[in-house]
Structures are given as structure tokens and as C-alpha cells.
Amino acid sequence: MSLREEILQNSNIYSKTRQLISTLQRRGPMAFECFCTALVDEGKSSLVQLLKESTIESEVSKDRVMIPIGGDIFVVVNEWDDKVLIHIRKYEKNSADTYVPTKKGIALRLNQWQLLEMYVNEIDAAIGQMIDDVTGVPEMTFHLGKGVYVSVNKTYPTVDVRQRWKIPDSNKIVSTKKGISLTYDKWEALKGTFPDVRESVPELETTTPCILSEDHQNQEGMLRCSNCNPFAEPL
């Protein structure tokens, strides 16, 4: 496949532009400079300046989008080790008055984020049931895969997104520090980020949670899946 075809096969302008710039940068500084020279010749000097500024920023961070949801908590899309991750993370300002990420938060894979979107109505219903105290259970949970759970608790009015871990040689599954608790207003703000995240992550359109795959339409298929059943227990 030619470079031109690789770029044009992307589904939207954002992806095509990103692919073009990425391709130019991989082919060395001369390729990028020649492209900039061509833009200048076409009277696009201001675009060249924006491109060079964004290139400098991308060397520091690969963030695609950073959306605040309140209390210095952000939904951030970035790339790490050639994987696209969607973070729900607490940030803090450093001495240069620049936001930097903290350890308080969690990074979701694309199929985990998709399940979070899918479970929105169920999570909202669980919140309502906990507030009205009509279930008789202290907690309701929703598995996003790989041991990451969303939990709604009657005692603590939050939506908790957290990694869980099974203690070796035991059946005890415990919560870890890798996660974040969102007040209900921050949960509402998080739901509002879904369209922007979709726009900045076109890869979501071609990602399918494994629970929707054909081999997961029976219990045996799900039990054998390390993503859906990471602790080797019935879900």
C-alpha cells in the first residue's frame, strides 16, 4: 500500500491529517521541512507556524485531548507504547503553573472505554437505586475488563472506577490504589466528554468489546476469556 493510500484510508479529516504529519516526521526532518516549504510557497505561512508549534508540543506530550470534569480531574486521551489510552486522572499544577498528571487515576483501553459508554444507563439506574435505597445491596459493580470495575456504593455517594486484584493463593479480590472516585456531578461531567473523546479517537469506531464477539455468546466462551474473567471465576 502506498503512503497516499495509507493516509486516505482513514475515516475522517482529523485522522488523515494526523497520519500525514506522522508519516512526514518518520521520514526525517528534511521531509517535514520540504512539506513546510511547499506550504509557504502556497501562501500558508501561518499554517507552517502552527504545525511547527504542535510538533514541538508533541515531543513533550502525545495528548490528543484534555477535558476538565471538575476538581482538577481530566479526561485525557494519549498514546503510550503505540496504544491509545483514555485516562480519568487527577492533575496538579507544578512550579511553572502547568498541569501535570498524578498517580490518582486510571487509564482505560479503548474496549474498556466502550463498555463504560455502554453501561451508562445501568450505572445511572444504580445511582438512583442507591439514593432511594431500594436494592438492599451495599454495592453494584460493572466490569470493564481486565479487572477494572465501576462500582456504585450506598455508603459513599460516588462512582468509583478502579483496578481490582486477586490475592495469590486465595479467593479474595481487593481494590487497588489504581483508580479514581467521582462524585455524581463529576460523573455527569464525564458522560459529557463522550462526544469529544469519540471525535479525537476515531479508532473507537473499529474497536469492539470482546463481550460482543461471537465466541462470547455462551458462558463457556466468556469463562475462558482472560479479559472478561481475569480472576478465573464465574462472572
C-alpha atoms as a PDB file:
ATOM      1  CA  MET A   1       0.000   0.000   0.000  1.00  0.00           C
ATOM      2  CA  SER A   2       1.355   3.452  -0.915  1.00  0.00           C
ATOM      3  CA  LEU A   3       1.772   6.220   1.646  1.00  0.00           C
ATOM      4  CA  ARG A   4      -1.004   8.161  -0.082  1.00  0.00           C
ATOM      5  CA  GLU A   5      -3.388   5.211   0.230  1.00  0.00           C
ATOM      6  CA  GLU A   6      -2.471   4.743   3.898  1.00  0.00           C
ATOM      7  CA  ILE A   7      -3.431   8.339   4.594  1.00  0.00           C
ATOM      8  CA  LEU A   8      -6.627   8.348   2.523  1.00  0.00           C
ATOM      9  CA  GLN A   9      -7.958   5.145   4.090  1.00  0.00           C
ATOM     10  CA  ASN A  10      -8.519   6.995   7.369  1.00  0.00           C
ATOM     11  CA  SER A  11     -12.171   7.743   8.042  1.00  0.00           C
ATOM     12  CA  ASN A  12     -12.053  11.491   8.794  1.00  0.00           C
ATOM     13  CA  ILE A  13     -10.030  14.674   8.292  1.00  0.00           C
ATOM     14  CA  TYR A  14      -8.562  14.519  11.804  1.00  0.00           C
ATOM     15  CA  SER A  15      -7.150  11.036  11.229  1.00  0.00           C
ATOM     16  CA  LYS A  16      -5.902  11.850   7.718  1.00  0.00           C
ATOM     17  CA  THR A  17      -4.078  14.974   8.922  1.00  0.00           C
ATOM     18  CA  ARG A  18      -2.569  13.148  11.872  1.00  0.00           C
ATOM     19  CA  GLN A  19      -1.428  10.297   9.620  1.00  0.00           C
ATOM     20  CA  LEU A  20       0.133  12.759   7.150  1.00  0.00           C
ATOM     21  CA  ILE A  21       2.125  14.605   9.810  1.00  0.00           C
ATOM     22  CA  SER A  22       3.177  11.356  11.487  1.00  0.00           C
ATOM     23  CA  THR A  23       4.358   9.948   8.148  1.00  0.00           C
ATOM     24  CA  LEU A  24       6.375  13.076   7.356  1.00  0.00           C
ATOM     25  CA  GLN A  25       8.055  13.041  10.770  1.00  0.00           C
ATOM     26  CA  ARG A  26       9.003   9.375  10.413  1.00  0.00           C
ATOM     27  CA  ARG A  27      10.693  10.106   7.076  1.00  0.00           C
ATOM     28  CA  GLY A  28      13.118  12.535   8.684  1.00  0.00           C
ATOM     29  CA  PRO A  29      13.479  16.290   9.243  1.00  0.00           C
ATOM     30  CA  MET A  30      14.101  17.033   5.551  1.00  0.00           C
ATOM     31  CA  ALA A  31      10.710  15.589   4.558  1.00  0.00           C
ATOM     32  CA  PHE A  32       8.914  17.760   7.097  1.00  0.00           C
ATOM     33  CA  GLU A  33      10.900  20.852   6.100  1.00  0.00           C
ATOM     34  CA  CYS A  34      10.171  20.252   2.391  1.00  0.00           C
ATOM     35  CA  PHE A  35       6.480  19.969   3.221  1.00  0.00           C
ATOM     36  CA  CYS A  36       6.648  23.257   5.149  1.00  0.00           C
ATOM     37  CA  THR A  37       8.449  24.939   2.260  1.00  0.00           C
ATOM     38  CA  ALA A  38       5.718  23.789  -0.116  1.00  0.00           C
ATOM     39  CA  LEU A  39       3.088  25.265   2.209  1.00  0.00           C
ATOM     40  CA  VAL A  40       4.954  28.589   2.318  1.00  0.00           C
ATOM     41  CA  ASP A  41       5.097  28.639  -1.486  1.00  0.00           C
ATOM     42  CA  GLU A  42       1.308  28.223  -1.453  1.00  0.00           C
ATOM     43  CA  GLY A  43       0.936  31.184   0.901  1.00  0.00           C
ATOM     44  CA  LYS A  44       0.272  29.047   4.014  1.00  0.00           C
ATOM     45  CA  SER A  45       2.943  30.540   6.297  1.00  0.00           C
ATOM     46  CA  SER A  46       0.592  30.757   9.281  1.00  0.00           C
ATOM     47  CA  LEU A  47      -0.199  27.046   8.945  1.00  0.00           C
ATOM     48  CA  VAL A  48       3.520  26.250   8.932  1.00  0.00           C
ATOM     49  CA  GLN A  49       3.924  28.102  12.235  1.00  0.00           C
ATOM     50  CA  LEU A  50       1.067  26.132  13.795  1.00  0.00           C
ATOM     51  CA  LEU A  51       2.490  22.846  12.546  1.00  0.00           C
ATOM     52  CA  LYS A  52       5.947  23.557  13.978  1.00  0.00           C
ATOM     53  CA  GLU A  53       4.476  24.615  17.314  1.00  0.00           C
ATOM     54  CA  SER A  54       2.382  21.434  17.514  1.00  0.00           C
ATOM     55  CA  THR A  55       5.417  19.348  16.579  1.00  0.00           C
ATOM     56  CA  ILE A  56       7.394  20.815  19.459  1.00  0.00           C
ATOM     57  CA  GLU A  57       4.491  20.168  21.851  1.00  0.00           C
ATOM     58  CA  SER A  58       4.130  16.579  20.646  1.00  0.00           C
ATOM     59  CA  GLU A  59       7.733  15.865  21.618  1.00  0.00           C
ATOM     60  CA  VAL A  60       6.750  16.618  25.210  1.00  0.00           C
ATOM     61  CA  SER A  61       3.280  15.090  25.224  1.00  0.00           C
ATOM     62  CA  LYS A  62       1.216  12.881  22.961  1.00  0.00           C
ATOM     63  CA  ASP A  63      -2.065  14.066  24.436  1.00  0.00           C
ATOM     64  CA  ARG A  64      -4.807  14.249  21.822  1.00  0.00           C
ATOM     65  CA  VAL A  65      -7.328  15.925  24.086  1.00  0.00           C
ATOM     66  CA  MET A  66      -7.581  17.009  27.728  1.00  0.00           C
ATOM     67  CA  ILE A  67     -11.086  17.699  29.025  1.00  0.00           C
ATOM     68  CA  PRO A  68     -11.741  19.003  32.570  1.00  0.00           C
ATOM     69  CA  ILE A  69     -14.584  17.446  34.541  1.00  0.00           C
ATOM     70  CA  GLY A  70     -14.054  19.394  37.764  1.00  0.00           C
ATOM     71  CA  GLY A  71     -11.718  19.430  40.748  1.00  0.00           C
ATOM     72  CA  ASP A  72      -8.567  19.245  38.615  1.00  0.00           C
ATOM     73  CA  ILE A  73      -9.746  15.894  37.235  1.00  0.00           C
ATOM     74  CA  PHE A  74      -9.436  15.487  33.483  1.00  0.00           C
ATOM     75  CA  VAL A  75     -10.324  13.001  30.796  1.00  0.00           C
ATOM     76  CA  VAL A  76      -7.156  12.733  28.724  1.00  0.00           C
ATOM     77  CA  VAL A  77      -6.513  10.799  25.537  1.00  0.00           C
ATOM     78  CA  ASN A  78      -2.918   9.982  24.777  1.00  0.00           C
ATOM     79  CA  GLU A  79      -0.691   7.365  23.221  1.00  0.00           C
ATOM     80  CA  TRP A  80       1.715   5.150  25.079  1.00  0.00           C
ATOM     81  CA  ASP A  81       3.800   2.385  23.527  1.00  0.00           C
ATOM     82  CA  ASP A  82       1.730   2.628  20.321  1.00  0.00           C
ATOM     83  CA  LYS A  83      -1.509   2.161  22.267  1.00  0.00           C
ATOM     84  CA  VAL A  84      -4.270   4.743  22.637  1.00  0.00           C
ATOM     85  CA  LEU A  85      -5.315   5.146  26.263  1.00  0.00           C
ATOM     86  CA  ILE A  86      -8.130   7.178  27.780  1.00  0.00           C
ATOM     87  CA  HIS A  87      -7.302   8.423  31.252  1.00  0.00           C
ATOM     88  CA  ILE A  88      -9.582   9.632  34.023  1.00  0.00           C
ATOM     89  CA  ARG A  89      -6.977  11.324  36.141  1.00  0.00           C
ATOM     90  CA  LYS A  90      -6.279  13.907  38.792  1.00  0.00           C
ATOM     91  CA  TYR A  91      -3.805  16.607  37.745  1.00  0.00           C
ATOM     92  CA  GLU A  92      -1.921  19.208  39.735  1.00  0.00           C
ATOM     93  CA  LYS A  93      -0.015  22.338  38.826  1.00  0.00           C
ATOM     94  CA  ASN A  94       3.762  22.412  39.099  1.00  0.00           C
ATOM     95  CA  SER A  95       6.028  25.376  39.833  1.00  0.00           C
ATOM     96  CA  ALA A  96       5.660  26.516  36.220  1.00  0.00           C
ATOM     97  CA  ASP A  97       1.875  26.654  36.668  1.00  0.00           C
ATOM     98  CA  THR A  98       1.478  23.762  34.240  1.00  0.00           C
ATOM     99  CA  TYR A  99      -0.840  20.824  34.831  1.00  0.00           C
ATOM    100  CA  VAL A 100       0.958  17.515  35.350  1.00  0.00           C
ATOM    101  CA  PRO A 101      -0.637  14.090  35.929  1.00  0.00           C
ATOM    102  CA  THR A 102      -0.669  12.418  39.325  1.00  0.00           C
ATOM    103  CA  LYS A 103      -0.909   8.735  40.197  1.00  0.00           C
ATOM    104  CA  LYS A 104      -4.528   9.232  41.239  1.00  0.00           C
ATOM    105  CA  GLY A 105      -6.499   7.940  38.293  1.00  0.00           C
ATOM    106  CA  ILE A 106      -6.818   5.124  35.832  1.00  0.00           C
ATOM    107  CA  ALA A 107      -6.028   4.503  32.169  1.00  0.00           C
ATOM    108  CA  LEU A 108      -8.640   2.658  30.150  1.00  0.00           C
ATOM    109  CA  ARG A 109      -8.096   0.743  26.948  1.00  0.00           C
ATOM    110  CA  LEU A 110     -10.435   1.500  24.087  1.00  0.00           C
ATOM    111  CA  ASN A 111     -12.611  -1.581  24.635  1.00  0.00           C
ATOM    112  CA  GLN A 112     -12.881  -0.691  28.341  1.00  0.00           C
ATOM    113  CA  TRP A 113     -13.969   2.854  27.488  1.00  0.00           C
ATOM    114  CA  GLN A 114     -16.559   1.440  25.100  1.00  0.00           C
ATOM    115  CA  LEU A 115     -18.030  -0.673  27.891  1.00  0.00           C
ATOM    116  CA  LEU A 116     -18.115   2.385  30.129  1.00  0.00           C
ATOM    117  CA  GLU A 117     -20.203   4.092  27.448  1.00  0.00           C
ATOM    118  CA  MET A 118     -22.419   1.013  27.118  1.00  0.00           C
ATOM    119  CA  TYR A 119     -23.068   0.777  30.861  1.00  0.00           C
ATOM    120  CA  VAL A 120     -24.069   4.436  31.316  1.00  0.00           C
ATOM    121  CA  ASN A 121     -27.783   3.773  31.679  1.00  0.00           C
ATOM    122  CA  GLU A 122     -27.205   0.876  34.066  1.00  0.00           C
ATOM    123  CA  ILE A 123     -24.796   2.946  36.166  1.00  0.00           C
ATOM    124  CA  ASP A 124     -27.261   5.835  36.292  1.00  0.00           C
ATOM    125  CA  ALA A 125     -30.005   3.418  37.340  1.00  0.00           C
ATOM    126  CA  ALA A 126     -27.739   2.010  40.063  1.00  0.00           C
ATOM    127  CA  ILE A 127     -27.084   5.523  41.378  1.00  0.00           C
ATOM    128  CA  GLY A 128     -30.825   6.158  41.576  1.00  0.00           C
ATOM    129  CA  GLN A 129     -31.418   2.860  43.364  1.00  0.00           C
ATOM    130  CA  MET A 130     -28.672   3.548  45.875  1.00  0.00           C
ATOM    131  CA  ILE A 131     -30.010   7.026  46.575  1.00  0.00           C
ATOM    132  CA  ASP A 132     -33.537   5.661  47.060  1.00  0.00           C
ATOM    133  CA  ASP A 133     -32.178   2.640  48.980  1.00  0.00           C
ATOM    134  CA  VAL A 134     -34.426   0.212  47.131  1.00  0.00           C
ATOM    135  CA  THR A 135     -31.953  -2.583  46.321  1.00  0.00           C
ATOM    136  CA  GLY A 136     -30.961  -3.879  49.738  1.00  0.00           C
ATOM    137  CA  VAL A 137     -27.393  -4.387  48.490  1.00  0.00           C
ATOM    138  CA  PRO A 138     -24.487  -2.154  49.542  1.00  0.00           C
ATOM    139  CA  GLU A 139     -22.787  -2.004  46.148  1.00  0.00           C
ATOM    140  CA  MET A 140     -23.397  -2.593  42.455  1.00  0.00           C
ATOM    141  CA  THR A 141     -20.498  -3.239  40.096  1.00  0.00           C
ATOM    142  CA  PHE A 142     -19.879  -3.269  36.340  1.00  0.00           C
ATOM    143  CA  HIS A 143     -16.830  -4.997  34.870  1.00  0.00           C
ATOM    144  CA  LEU A 144     -14.983  -3.128  32.113  1.00  0.00           C
ATOM    145  CA  GLY A 145     -12.493  -5.938  31.504  1.00  0.00           C
ATOM    146  CA  LYS A 146      -9.062  -6.910  32.837  1.00  0.00           C
ATOM    147  CA  GLY A 147     -10.236  -6.488  36.435  1.00  0.00           C
ATOM    148  CA  VAL A 148     -11.287  -2.839  36.112  1.00  0.00           C
ATOM    149  CA  TYR A 149     -14.651  -2.258  37.752  1.00  0.00           C
ATOM    150  CA  VAL A 150     -17.083   0.615  38.038  1.00  0.00           C
ATOM    151  CA  SER A 151     -18.791   0.467  41.418  1.00  0.00           C
ATOM    152  CA  VAL A 152     -21.686   2.431  42.873  1.00  0.00           C
ATOM    153  CA  ASN A 153     -21.785   2.306  46.670  1.00  0.00           C
ATOM    154  CA  LYS A 154     -24.654   3.121  49.021  1.00  0.00           C
ATOM    155  CA  THR A 155     -22.361   4.392  51.796  1.00  0.00           C
ATOM    156  CA  TYR A 156     -20.181   6.598  49.623  1.00  0.00           C
ATOM    157  CA  PRO A 157     -22.070   8.688  47.017  1.00  0.00           C
ATOM    158  CA  THR A 158     -19.515   8.203  44.261  1.00  0.00           C
ATOM    159  CA  VAL A 159     -18.899   6.347  41.032  1.00  0.00           C
ATOM    160  CA  ASP A 160     -15.619   4.515  41.543  1.00  0.00           C
ATOM    161  CA  VAL A 161     -13.552   3.327  38.567  1.00  0.00           C
ATOM    162  CA  ARG A 162     -10.827   1.072  39.886  1.00  0.00           C
ATOM    163  CA  GLN A 163      -8.490  -1.819  39.192  1.00  0.00           C
ATOM    164  CA  ARG A 164      -9.054  -4.875  41.339  1.00  0.00           C
ATOM    165  CA  TRP A 165      -6.560  -7.629  42.137  1.00  0.00           C
ATOM    166  CA  LYS A 166      -6.795 -11.179  43.337  1.00  0.00           C
ATOM    167  CA  ILE A 167      -4.555 -12.052  46.268  1.00  0.00           C
ATOM    168  CA  PRO A 168      -2.357 -15.028  45.265  1.00  0.00           C
ATOM    169  CA  ASP A 169      -3.373 -18.411  46.657  1.00  0.00           C
ATOM    170  CA  SER A 170      -6.701 -17.077  47.836  1.00  0.00           C
ATOM    171  CA  ASN A 171     -10.146 -16.272  46.505  1.00  0.00           C
ATOM    172  CA  LYS A 172     -10.037 -12.746  47.886  1.00  0.00           C
ATOM    173  CA  ILE A 173     -10.348  -9.943  45.346  1.00  0.00           C
ATOM    174  CA  VAL A 174      -9.431  -6.480  46.590  1.00  0.00           C
ATOM    175  CA  SER A 175      -9.426  -2.941  45.259  1.00  0.00           C
ATOM    176  CA  THR A 176      -6.088  -1.335  44.450  1.00  0.00           C
ATOM    177  CA  LYS A 177      -4.909   2.269  44.568  1.00  0.00           C
ATOM    178  CA  LYS A 178      -5.091   2.409  40.776  1.00  0.00           C
ATOM    179  CA  GLY A 179      -8.372   4.188  40.186  1.00  0.00           C
ATOM    180  CA  ILE A 180     -10.443   7.245  40.938  1.00  0.00           C
ATOM    181  CA  SER A 181     -13.699   8.079  42.708  1.00  0.00           C
ATOM    182  CA  LEU A 182     -16.030  10.555  41.038  1.00  0.00           C
ATOM    183  CA  THR A 183     -18.758  12.484  42.792  1.00  0.00           C
ATOM    184  CA  TYR A 184     -22.084  12.343  40.996  1.00  0.00           C
ATOM    185  CA  ASP A 185     -21.581  15.776  39.438  1.00  0.00           C
ATOM    186  CA  LYS A 186     -18.192  14.710  38.084  1.00  0.00           C
ATOM    187  CA  TRP A 187     -19.786  11.530  36.737  1.00  0.00           C
ATOM    188  CA  GLU A 188     -22.282  13.707  34.876  1.00  0.00           C
ATOM    189  CA  ALA A 189     -19.401  15.797  33.519  1.00  0.00           C
ATOM    190  CA  LEU A 190     -17.567  12.629  32.486  1.00  0.00           C
ATOM    191  CA  LYS A 191     -20.573  11.487  30.454  1.00  0.00           C
ATOM    192  CA  GLY A 192     -20.498  14.835  28.698  1.00  0.00           C
ATOM    193  CA  THR A 193     -16.987  14.107  27.384  1.00  0.00           C
ATOM    194  CA  PHE A 194     -18.103  11.089  25.330  1.00  0.00           C
ATOM    195  CA  PRO A 195     -18.690  13.001  22.043  1.00  0.00           C
ATOM    196  CA  ASP A 196     -15.343  14.838  22.249  1.00  0.00           C
ATOM    197  CA  VAL A 197     -13.495  11.623  23.067  1.00  0.00           C
ATOM    198  CA  ARG A 198     -15.166   9.914  20.105  1.00  0.00           C
ATOM    199  CA  GLU A 199     -14.063  12.754  17.838  1.00  0.00           C
ATOM    200  CA  SER A 200     -10.446  12.575  18.970  1.00  0.00           C
ATOM    201  CA  VAL A 201     -10.286   8.759  18.963  1.00  0.00           C
ATOM    202  CA  PRO A 202     -11.529   7.555  15.574  1.00  0.00           C
ATOM    203  CA  GLU A 203     -10.091   4.138  16.466  1.00  0.00           C
ATOM    204  CA  LEU A 204     -13.157   3.613  18.664  1.00  0.00           C
ATOM    205  CA  GLU A 205     -15.215   3.139  15.506  1.00  0.00           C
ATOM    206  CA  THR A 206     -13.297  -0.021  14.657  1.00  0.00           C
ATOM    207  CA  THR A 207     -12.962  -1.377  18.205  1.00  0.00           C
ATOM    208  CA  THR A 208     -15.382  -3.961  19.563  1.00  0.00           C
ATOM    209  CA  PRO A 209     -15.562  -5.148  23.180  1.00  0.00           C
ATOM    210  CA  CYS A 210     -14.887  -8.856  23.299  1.00  0.00           C
ATOM    211  CA  ILE A 211     -18.164  -9.494  25.157  1.00  0.00           C
ATOM    212  CA  LEU A 212     -19.907  -8.716  21.863  1.00  0.00           C
ATOM    213  CA  SER A 213     -17.825 -11.174  19.852  1.00  0.00           C
ATOM    214  CA  GLU A 214     -19.411 -14.337  18.506  1.00  0.00           C
ATOM    215  CA  ASP A 215     -17.472 -16.708  20.778  1.00  0.00           C
ATOM    216  CA  HIS A 216     -18.762 -14.825  23.851  1.00  0.00           C
ATOM    217  CA  GLN A 217     -22.421 -15.560  23.189  1.00  0.00           C
ATOM    218  CA  ASN A 218     -22.229 -18.521  25.562  1.00  0.00           C
ATOM    219  CA  GLN A 219     -20.999 -18.833  29.132  1.00  0.00           C
ATOM    220  CA  GLU A 220     -18.092 -21.100  28.283  1.00  0.00           C
ATOM    221  CA  GLY A 221     -16.641 -18.555  25.859  1.00  0.00           C
ATOM    222  CA  MET A 222     -16.735 -15.818  28.482  1.00  0.00           C
ATOM    223  CA  LEU A 223     -15.270 -18.007  31.219  1.00  0.00           C
ATOM    224  CA  ARG A 224     -12.295 -18.816  29.021  1.00  0.00           C
ATOM    225  CA  CYS A 225     -11.616 -15.157  28.242  1.00  0.00           C
ATOM    226  CA  SER A 226      -8.873 -13.638  30.395  1.00  0.00           C
ATOM    227  CA  ASN A 227     -10.212 -10.172  29.635  1.00  0.00           C
ATOM    228  CA  CYS A 228     -13.786 -10.867  30.748  1.00  0.00           C
ATOM    229  CA  ASN A 229     -12.840 -13.292  33.509  1.00  0.00           C
ATOM    230  CA  PRO A 230      -9.394 -12.186  34.754  1.00  0.00           C
ATOM    231  CA  PHE A 231      -9.719 -13.908  38.117  1.00  0.00           C
ATOM    232  CA  ALA A 232     -10.768 -17.297  36.684  1.00  0.00           C
ATOM    233  CA  GLU A 233     -14.129 -17.144  38.430  1.00  0.00           C
ATOM    234  CA  PRO A 234     -17.644 -17.127  37.029  1.00  0.00           C
ATOM    235  CA  LEU A 235     -18.732 -13.583  36.242  1.00  0.00           C
END
